Amino acid sequence: MFVKKLNRFSVLLLMVLAVISLGSFSVFAESSDATQPVVRENAITVELNDNYFNPKTITLPKGVATKAILKNNGQKEHTFTVEKLGIDAVVQAGTTKTISVKPTMPGTYELICRYHFQTGMVGKVIVK
């Protein structure tokens, strides 16, 4: 009788140890995932309004994809144009447009609205 109880206890103990061991493996796996680098895309919001950009000067990291969220809060259609970087986005009045830019050459570039640069809708994009 005592031997049967001992065998049952041994089996139960082995089962508990097996469950505990399996649990520690999953914790190990979860912790190794946490050490992986997370790649995030930069984002910047630019307001386009009738005859100005806000902010007027935008700084972008060289070689890194950046999401530009262009919000046209004006009454007119505007463009977000940086010719030397190959950027030319048309944004309808009262809408938002998201583009992705990844400049590869450092420098300072002219930002314009093709429709309204004569009235002062200009700015700068600095790539560092």
Protein backbone atom coordinates (compact mmCIF):
# COMPACT_ATOMS: atom_id res chain seq x y z
CA MET A 1 0.00 0.00 0.00
CA PHE A 2 2.78 2.35 0.92
CA VAL A 3 4.62 1.50 -2.34
CA LYS A 4 1.50 2.35 -4.41
CA LYS A 5 1.20 5.75 -2.71
CA LEU A 6 4.91 6.36 -3.21
CA ASN A 7 4.62 5.49 -6.93
CA ARG A 8 1.60 7.78 -7.33
CA PHE A 9 3.44 10.55 -5.51
CA SER A 10 6.50 10.04 -7.74
CA VAL A 11 4.37 10.19 -10.88
CA LEU A 12 2.60 13.32 -9.63
CA LEU A 13 5.92 14.93 -8.74
CA LEU A 14 7.32 14.16 -12.19
CA MET A 15 4.23 15.65 -13.84
CA VAL A 16 4.54 18.84 -11.79
CA LEU A 17 8.23 19.13 -12.65
CA ALA A 18 7.44 18.61 -16.34
CA VAL A 19 4.82 21.37 -16.30
CA ILE A 20 7.16 23.74 -14.46
CA SER A 21 9.98 22.98 -16.89
CA LEU A 22 7.78 23.60 -19.92
CA GLY A 23 6.64 26.87 -18.43
CA SER A 24 10.23 28.01 -17.96
CA PHE A 25 11.00 27.23 -21.61
CA SER A 26 8.19 29.48 -22.78
CA VAL A 27 9.40 32.28 -20.53
CA PHE A 28 12.86 31.85 -22.00
CA ALA A 29 11.46 32.06 -25.52
CA GLU A 30 9.46 35.18 -24.70
CA SER A 31 12.44 36.91 -23.16
CA SER A 32 14.61 36.19 -26.20
CA ASP A 33 11.99 37.85 -28.44
CA ALA A 34 12.15 40.98 -26.32
CA THR A 35 15.83 41.44 -27.14
CA GLN A 36 15.20 41.75 -30.89
CA PRO A 37 15.48 45.31 -32.22
CA VAL A 38 12.25 46.99 -33.26
CA VAL A 39 12.43 48.98 -36.48
CA ARG A 40 10.14 51.98 -36.45
CA GLU A 41 9.47 54.47 -39.16
CA ASN A 42 9.88 58.13 -38.21
CA ALA A 43 6.86 60.38 -38.70
CA ILE A 44 6.38 64.11 -39.08
CA THR A 45 3.17 66.09 -39.48
CA VAL A 46 3.19 69.15 -41.74
CA GLU A 47 0.28 71.58 -41.98
CA LEU A 48 -0.34 73.07 -45.40
CA ASN A 49 -2.51 76.14 -45.14
CA ASP A 50 -3.28 78.94 -47.51
CA ASN A 51 0.18 80.29 -48.33
CA TYR A 52 2.33 78.71 -45.60
CA PHE A 53 3.78 75.45 -44.26
CA ASN A 54 3.88 74.70 -40.55
CA PRO A 55 6.58 73.94 -39.59
CA LYS A 56 8.43 75.99 -42.18
CA THR A 57 11.69 74.04 -41.66
CA ILE A 58 11.64 70.24 -41.55
CA THR A 59 14.61 68.07 -40.58
CA LEU A 60 14.78 64.51 -41.90
CA PRO A 61 17.32 61.78 -41.13
CA LYS A 62 19.49 60.69 -44.06
CA GLY A 63 18.75 57.16 -45.30
CA VAL A 64 15.82 56.57 -42.95
CA ALA A 65 12.23 56.22 -44.16
CA THR A 66 10.05 58.97 -42.74
CA LYS A 67 6.29 59.13 -42.95
CA ALA A 68 5.19 62.67 -43.82
CA ILE A 69 1.59 63.33 -42.81
CA LEU A 70 0.48 66.30 -44.90
CA LYS A 71 -2.63 68.04 -43.55
CA ASN A 72 -4.15 70.64 -45.86
CA ASN A 73 -6.13 72.88 -43.52
CA GLY A 74 -6.55 75.55 -46.19
CA GLN A 75 -9.30 76.39 -48.64
CA LYS A 76 -7.08 75.74 -51.69
CA GLU A 77 -5.31 72.72 -53.15
CA HIS A 78 -1.58 72.74 -52.29
CA THR A 79 1.54 70.77 -53.13
CA PHE A 80 4.37 69.57 -50.95
CA THR A 81 7.23 69.77 -53.44
CA VAL A 82 10.96 69.26 -52.93
CA GLU A 83 12.21 68.95 -56.51
CA LYS A 84 15.80 67.93 -55.70
CA LEU A 85 14.54 65.04 -53.52
CA GLY A 86 11.94 63.92 -56.08
CA ILE A 87 9.01 64.74 -53.79
CA ASP A 88 5.83 66.19 -55.29
CA ALA A 89 2.57 65.46 -53.47
CA VAL A 90 -0.73 67.19 -54.27
CA VAL A 91 -3.06 67.58 -51.26
CA GLN A 92 -6.66 68.59 -51.80
CA ALA A 93 -8.20 71.28 -49.57
CA GLY A 94 -9.41 69.91 -46.24
CA THR A 95 -7.73 66.51 -46.66
CA THR A 96 -4.74 64.64 -45.30
CA LYS A 97 -2.24 62.70 -47.39
CA THR A 98 0.53 60.47 -46.07
CA ILE A 99 3.70 59.90 -48.07
CA SER A 100 6.94 58.11 -47.29
CA VAL A 101 10.26 59.79 -47.98
CA LYS A 102 13.78 58.40 -47.63
CA PRO A 103 16.36 61.06 -48.55
CA THR A 104 19.85 59.76 -49.28
CA MET A 105 21.83 62.99 -49.73
CA PRO A 106 22.47 65.35 -46.79
CA GLY A 107 21.85 69.02 -47.40
CA THR A 108 19.29 71.82 -47.32
CA TYR A 109 16.55 71.72 -49.93
CA GLU A 110 13.84 74.16 -51.02
CA LEU A 111 10.27 73.18 -50.09
CA ILE A 112 7.52 74.87 -52.13
CA CYS A 113 3.89 74.72 -53.04
CA ARG A 114 4.00 74.77 -56.84
CA TYR A 115 0.78 76.79 -56.93
CA HIS A 116 1.59 79.39 -54.27
CA PHE A 117 5.37 79.82 -53.94
CA GLN A 118 5.10 83.35 -55.40
CA THR A 119 2.96 84.34 -52.42
CA GLY A 120 5.44 82.97 -49.90
CA MET A 121 4.43 79.33 -49.51
CA VAL A 122 8.01 78.14 -49.18
CA GLY A 123 10.10 76.35 -46.61
CA LYS A 124 13.20 74.19 -46.12
CA VAL A 125 13.93 70.50 -45.76
CA ILE A 126 17.20 69.73 -44.01
CA VAL A 127 18.58 66.22 -44.39
CA LYS A 128 21.16 65.18 -41.77
